[in-house]
């Protein structure tokens, strides 16, 4: 099966991992993704239907607009991909326009423009909720028309929500399969969890995700697959899952020489998995030793 790229650039996107993920995903009627991101797993899997969620409202509004009226969106978005808009002055003016706007359609158009013209395709907001990624200085930013069209066609089988992962887990039913691609845990066990938590996903969130995954698989017979960094912390949290480690190239650095491989973990919880996750305080004590 031909692989399909997402129409957005995305830090931590799963395009390179879709084969091992698909090999581990159990059969089911609906795939639920509480952390859908750009949607590479959705685009490269084959379930009857999908429930796709993300806490970023700009992302979910964009997906819903593309699902409803792809051709109109493509026409309007393509107009922004002009050489006149591929310079720092134009970029920062359009970024300011995005930050001022409350119009969902206008924000969706500008979100795609910023994603393709901004530095490394990052998606980052300051504490005031202002998008603050700097200009990327690309020679000819790619307009992903074919990728948008494929996404829009497949999105007819999907529902998009903007909820917490806890609420999404509660929507799961028999016949569903859950794939979780959360913000990754720090590579170093000595990392400062205070600064890590500023991303909105703390150590407590990592622990709660593991707890819910184990409970959902063991008590409700709904399998859950989680991807994360392969670290002492994640192996501790996912101890009762079936663990698979692999090396994955990192592509977010602009400097190709700095793009190394990182160990990633795929943790599969099934009905046979134990539902006991190591208590958070115990995990913190082990990591501090």
Protein backbone atom coordinates (compact mmCIF):
# COMPACT_ATOMS: atom_id res chain seq x y z
CA UNK A 1 0.00 0.00 0.00
CA UNK A 2 1.35 3.42 -0.97
CA UNK A 3 2.17 5.67 1.96
CA UNK A 4 0.43 9.00 2.26
CA UNK A 5 1.99 12.09 3.79
CA UNK A 6 0.07 14.52 5.98
CA UNK A 7 -0.54 17.95 4.47
CA UNK A 8 0.97 19.61 7.54
CA UNK A 9 4.55 19.47 8.72
CA UNK A 10 4.54 18.17 12.29
CA UNK A 11 7.19 17.74 14.98
CA UNK A 12 7.11 14.10 16.05
CA UNK A 13 4.96 13.10 13.08
CA UNK A 14 4.59 9.33 12.63
CA UNK A 15 5.09 8.96 8.86
CA UNK A 16 8.33 7.01 9.37
CA UNK A 17 6.67 4.70 11.92
CA UNK A 18 3.41 3.80 10.19
CA UNK A 19 4.59 0.29 9.23
CA UNK A 20 5.55 -0.88 12.75
CA UNK A 21 2.50 0.87 14.20
CA UNK A 22 0.17 -0.86 11.72
CA UNK A 23 1.78 -4.22 12.47
CA UNK A 24 0.95 -3.78 16.15
CA UNK A 25 -2.51 -2.20 15.87
CA UNK A 26 -5.14 -4.89 16.56
CA UNK A 27 -8.08 -5.34 14.22
CA UNK A 28 -11.12 -3.23 15.05
CA UNK A 29 -13.99 -1.25 13.59
CA UNK A 30 -12.93 2.25 14.70
CA UNK A 31 -9.54 3.77 15.45
CA UNK A 32 -9.45 6.43 18.17
CA UNK A 33 -6.53 8.85 18.32
CA UNK A 34 -6.57 11.15 21.37
CA UNK A 35 -3.42 12.94 20.07
CA UNK A 36 -3.93 12.96 16.30
CA UNK A 37 -1.37 15.63 15.36
CA UNK A 38 -1.03 15.83 11.57
CA UNK A 39 -2.71 12.44 11.16
CA UNK A 40 -0.09 10.13 9.60
CA UNK A 41 -1.46 7.01 11.33
CA UNK A 42 -5.02 7.91 10.30
CA UNK A 43 -3.91 8.43 6.69
CA UNK A 44 -1.99 5.15 6.53
CA UNK A 45 -4.35 2.77 8.32
CA UNK A 46 -7.60 1.15 7.22
CA UNK A 47 -10.41 1.20 9.76
CA UNK A 48 -14.11 1.57 9.00
CA UNK A 49 -14.25 4.83 10.93
CA UNK A 50 -12.11 7.15 13.05
CA UNK A 51 -12.43 9.39 16.10
CA UNK A 52 -9.57 11.89 15.84
CA UNK A 53 -8.83 14.32 18.64
CA UNK A 54 -6.36 17.03 19.52
CA UNK A 55 -6.31 19.75 22.17
CA UNK A 56 -5.27 22.36 19.56
CA UNK A 57 -8.51 24.00 18.36
CA UNK A 58 -6.80 25.56 15.32
CA UNK A 59 -5.82 22.09 14.12
CA UNK A 60 -9.28 20.59 14.62
CA UNK A 61 -11.07 23.55 12.99
CA UNK A 62 -8.71 23.21 10.01
CA UNK A 63 -9.44 19.49 9.68
CA UNK A 64 -13.20 20.04 9.85
CA UNK A 65 -13.03 22.77 7.18
CA UNK A 66 -10.94 20.57 4.88
CA UNK A 67 -13.41 17.74 5.40
CA UNK A 68 -16.43 19.92 4.54
CA UNK A 69 -15.18 22.04 1.62
CA UNK A 70 -11.75 20.95 0.39
CA UNK A 71 -11.78 22.56 -3.06
CA UNK A 72 -12.79 26.01 -1.82
CA UNK A 73 -10.17 25.78 0.91
CA UNK A 74 -7.49 24.70 -1.58
CA UNK A 75 -8.26 27.63 -3.88
CA UNK A 76 -8.15 30.17 -1.06
CA UNK A 77 -5.08 28.69 0.66
CA UNK A 78 -3.10 28.43 -2.59
CA UNK A 79 -3.40 32.19 -3.05
CA UNK A 80 -1.28 32.68 0.10
CA UNK A 81 1.55 30.57 -1.35
CA UNK A 82 2.90 33.40 -3.48
CA UNK A 83 6.51 34.60 -3.81
CA UNK A 84 5.19 37.93 -2.49
CA UNK A 85 4.38 36.20 0.82
CA UNK A 86 7.66 34.32 1.11
CA UNK A 87 9.66 36.93 2.97
CA UNK A 88 10.03 37.89 6.61
CA UNK A 89 7.93 41.08 6.43
CA UNK A 90 4.97 39.32 4.81
CA UNK A 91 5.27 36.32 7.12
CA UNK A 92 5.20 38.41 10.29
CA UNK A 93 2.30 40.50 8.98
CA UNK A 94 0.28 37.36 8.24
CA UNK A 95 1.27 35.85 11.59
CA UNK A 96 -0.03 38.99 13.32
CA UNK A 97 -3.24 38.73 11.27
CA UNK A 98 -3.65 35.13 12.41
CA UNK A 99 -3.18 36.14 16.06
CA UNK A 100 -5.76 38.94 15.76
CA UNK A 101 -8.39 36.90 13.96
CA UNK A 102 -11.33 35.12 15.57
CA UNK A 103 -12.63 33.88 12.22
CA UNK A 104 -12.17 30.09 12.03
CA UNK A 105 -11.92 29.95 8.25
CA UNK A 106 -9.35 32.74 8.05
CA UNK A 107 -7.34 31.14 10.87
CA UNK A 108 -7.43 27.79 9.05
CA UNK A 109 -6.02 29.32 5.85
CA UNK A 110 -3.32 31.15 7.76
CA UNK A 111 -2.52 28.10 9.91
CA UNK A 112 -1.56 26.17 6.77
CA UNK A 113 0.46 29.12 5.46
CA UNK A 114 2.31 29.50 8.79
CA UNK A 115 2.92 25.76 8.99
CA UNK A 116 4.59 25.67 5.59
CA UNK A 117 6.46 29.00 5.83
CA UNK A 118 7.44 28.94 9.54
CA UNK A 119 10.64 27.56 11.02
CA UNK A 120 10.72 23.75 10.73
CA UNK A 121 6.94 23.56 10.52
CA UNK A 122 6.71 24.05 14.27
CA UNK A 123 3.41 24.78 16.00
CA UNK A 124 4.02 26.87 19.08
CA UNK A 125 2.05 29.46 21.06
CA UNK A 126 3.15 31.76 23.86
CA UNK A 127 1.39 31.94 27.22
CA UNK A 128 -1.02 34.51 25.81
CA UNK A 129 -2.07 32.08 23.12
CA UNK A 130 -0.21 33.91 20.35
CA UNK A 131 1.40 31.84 17.60
CA UNK A 132 5.10 32.75 17.80
CA UNK A 133 7.08 30.52 15.41
CA UNK A 134 9.65 32.59 13.44
CA UNK A 135 9.97 32.79 9.65
CA UNK A 136 11.51 29.68 8.09
CA UNK A 137 13.33 31.16 5.06
CA UNK A 138 12.47 28.36 2.63
CA UNK A 139 13.20 28.90 -1.04
CA UNK A 140 9.87 27.59 -2.38
CA UNK A 141 7.40 26.41 0.29
CA UNK A 142 5.43 23.42 -0.97
CA UNK A 143 1.68 23.73 -1.37
CA UNK A 144 0.25 20.30 -0.48
CA UNK A 145 -2.81 20.18 -2.75
CA UNK A 146 -2.73 16.41 -3.41
CA UNK A 147 -2.23 15.70 0.30
CA UNK A 148 -5.19 17.94 1.25
CA UNK A 149 -7.41 16.20 -1.30
CA UNK A 150 -6.51 12.74 -0.01
CA UNK A 151 -7.03 13.85 3.60
CA UNK A 152 -10.44 15.35 2.74
CA UNK A 153 -11.59 12.16 1.03
CA UNK A 154 -10.57 9.92 3.91
CA UNK A 155 -11.90 12.40 6.50
CA UNK A 156 -15.44 11.48 5.40
CA UNK A 157 -14.92 8.41 7.61
CA UNK A 158 -13.70 10.49 10.57
CA UNK A 159 -15.08 12.62 13.37
CA UNK A 160 -12.87 15.34 14.83
CA UNK A 161 -13.00 16.52 18.44
CA UNK A 162 -11.07 18.96 20.61
CA UNK A 163 -11.11 17.38 24.08
CA UNK A 164 -8.78 16.16 26.81
CA UNK A 165 -7.42 12.66 26.32
CA UNK A 166 -9.31 11.57 29.44
CA UNK A 167 -12.65 12.49 27.83
CA UNK A 168 -11.69 10.75 24.60
CA UNK A 169 -10.92 7.51 26.47
CA UNK A 170 -14.41 7.66 27.96
CA UNK A 171 -15.90 7.66 24.44
CA UNK A 172 -14.29 4.34 23.53
CA UNK A 173 -16.58 1.34 23.00
CA UNK A 174 -16.25 -2.36 22.20
CA UNK A 175 -14.80 -2.77 18.72
CA UNK A 176 -12.60 0.32 19.06
CA UNK A 177 -8.80 0.43 19.02
CA UNK A 178 -6.93 3.36 20.61
CA UNK A 179 -3.60 4.71 19.39
CA UNK A 180 -1.90 7.34 21.57
CA UNK A 181 0.93 9.59 20.40
CA UNK A 182 1.25 11.94 23.39
CA UNK A 183 3.82 14.71 23.82
CA UNK A 184 6.92 12.66 24.48
CA UNK A 185 8.56 12.21 27.88
CA UNK A 186 12.01 13.81 28.26
CA UNK A 187 14.92 11.70 27.04
CA UNK A 188 16.85 12.37 30.24
CA UNK A 189 15.58 11.22 33.63
CA UNK A 190 17.28 14.29 35.09
CA UNK A 191 15.25 16.64 32.89
CA UNK A 192 13.47 19.46 34.63
CA UNK A 193 9.84 18.39 34.79
CA UNK A 194 8.78 21.92 35.68
CA UNK A 195 9.85 23.24 32.28
CA UNK A 196 8.60 20.05 30.63
CA UNK A 197 5.16 20.61 32.12
CA UNK A 198 4.97 24.07 30.50
CA UNK A 199 4.23 22.22 27.25
CA UNK A 200 0.93 21.26 28.86
CA UNK A 201 1.75 17.56 29.35
CA UNK A 202 3.35 16.82 32.70
CA UNK A 203 4.71 13.72 34.39
CA UNK A 204 1.29 13.38 36.02
CA UNK A 205 -0.30 13.33 32.56
CA UNK A 206 2.13 10.62 31.39
CA UNK A 207 1.23 8.53 34.44
CA UNK A 208 -2.51 9.07 33.99
CA UNK A 209 -2.30 8.06 30.32
CA UNK A 210 -0.54 4.82 31.24
CA UNK A 211 -3.10 4.14 33.98
CA UNK A 212 -6.05 4.71 31.66
CA UNK A 213 -4.50 2.62 28.90
CA UNK A 214 -3.99 -0.34 31.24
CA UNK A 215 -7.49 0.01 32.71
CA UNK A 216 -9.16 0.38 29.30
CA UNK A 217 -7.45 -2.71 27.90
CA UNK A 218 -7.80 -4.92 30.99
CA UNK A 219 -11.23 -3.91 32.29
CA UNK A 220 -13.01 -2.85 29.08
CA UNK A 221 -11.29 -5.13 26.54
CA UNK A 222 -10.34 -2.18 24.29
CA UNK A 223 -6.69 -2.45 23.12
CA UNK A 224 -4.44 0.60 23.44
CA UNK A 225 -1.13 1.26 21.66
CA UNK A 226 1.13 4.10 22.93
CA UNK A 227 4.27 5.53 21.33
CA UNK A 228 6.88 7.41 23.35
CA UNK A 229 10.61 7.78 23.87
CA UNK A 230 12.28 4.60 25.10
CA UNK A 231 13.46 5.73 28.54
CA UNK A 232 13.67 4.46 32.09
CA UNK A 233 10.52 6.43 32.88
CA UNK A 234 8.40 5.07 30.02
CA UNK A 235 9.53 1.49 30.63
CA UNK A 236 8.53 1.96 34.26
CA UNK A 237 5.12 3.40 33.35
CA UNK A 238 4.38 0.81 30.64
CA UNK A 239 5.81 -2.21 32.50
CA UNK A 240 2.61 -4.25 32.08
CA UNK A 241 2.35 -3.64 28.33
CA UNK A 242 3.93 -5.60 25.49
CA UNK A 243 6.95 -3.42 24.68
CA UNK A 244 8.63 -2.97 21.29
CA UNK A 245 11.73 -0.77 20.92
CA UNK A 246 13.01 0.65 17.64
CA UNK A 247 15.39 3.30 16.34
CA UNK A 248 13.81 6.26 14.56
CA UNK A 249 15.45 9.12 12.69
CA UNK A 250 14.65 12.60 13.95
CA UNK A 251 13.86 15.11 11.18
CA UNK A 252 12.91 18.29 13.04
CA UNK A 253 16.41 19.82 13.07
CA UNK A 254 17.13 22.10 10.10
CA UNK A 255 20.76 21.01 10.26
CA UNK A 256 20.87 17.54 8.71
CA UNK A 257 24.13 16.75 10.48
CA UNK A 258 22.35 17.05 13.82
CA UNK A 259 19.57 14.62 12.96
CA UNK A 260 20.41 11.44 14.80
CA UNK A 261 18.41 8.35 15.64
CA UNK A 262 16.43 8.08 18.84
CA UNK A 263 15.11 4.96 20.57
CA UNK A 264 11.32 4.85 20.55
CA UNK A 265 8.97 2.58 22.42
CA UNK A 266 5.66 1.13 21.25
CA UNK A 267 3.65 -0.18 24.21
CA UNK A 268 0.65 -2.38 23.43
CA UNK A 269 -1.96 -2.96 26.13
CA UNK A 270 -4.35 -5.85 25.50
CA UNK A 271 -7.03 -7.55 27.58
CA UNK A 272 -4.38 -9.83 29.08
CA UNK A 273 -2.36 -6.86 30.38
CA UNK A 274 -2.37 -6.19 34.10
CA UNK A 275 -4.21 -3.03 35.07
CA UNK A 276 -1.77 -1.99 37.78
CA UNK A 277 0.55 0.89 36.87
CA UNK A 278 3.41 1.78 39.21
CA UNK A 279 2.29 4.62 41.55
CA UNK A 280 3.56 8.02 40.50
CA UNK A 281 5.43 8.66 43.76
CA UNK A 282 7.19 5.30 43.40
CA UNK A 283 8.19 6.10 39.82
CA UNK A 284 9.61 9.46 40.88
CA UNK A 285 11.64 7.81 43.67
CA UNK A 286 13.09 5.24 41.25
CA UNK A 287 14.04 7.90 38.74
CA UNK A 288 15.73 9.97 41.46
CA UNK A 289 17.95 7.07 42.57
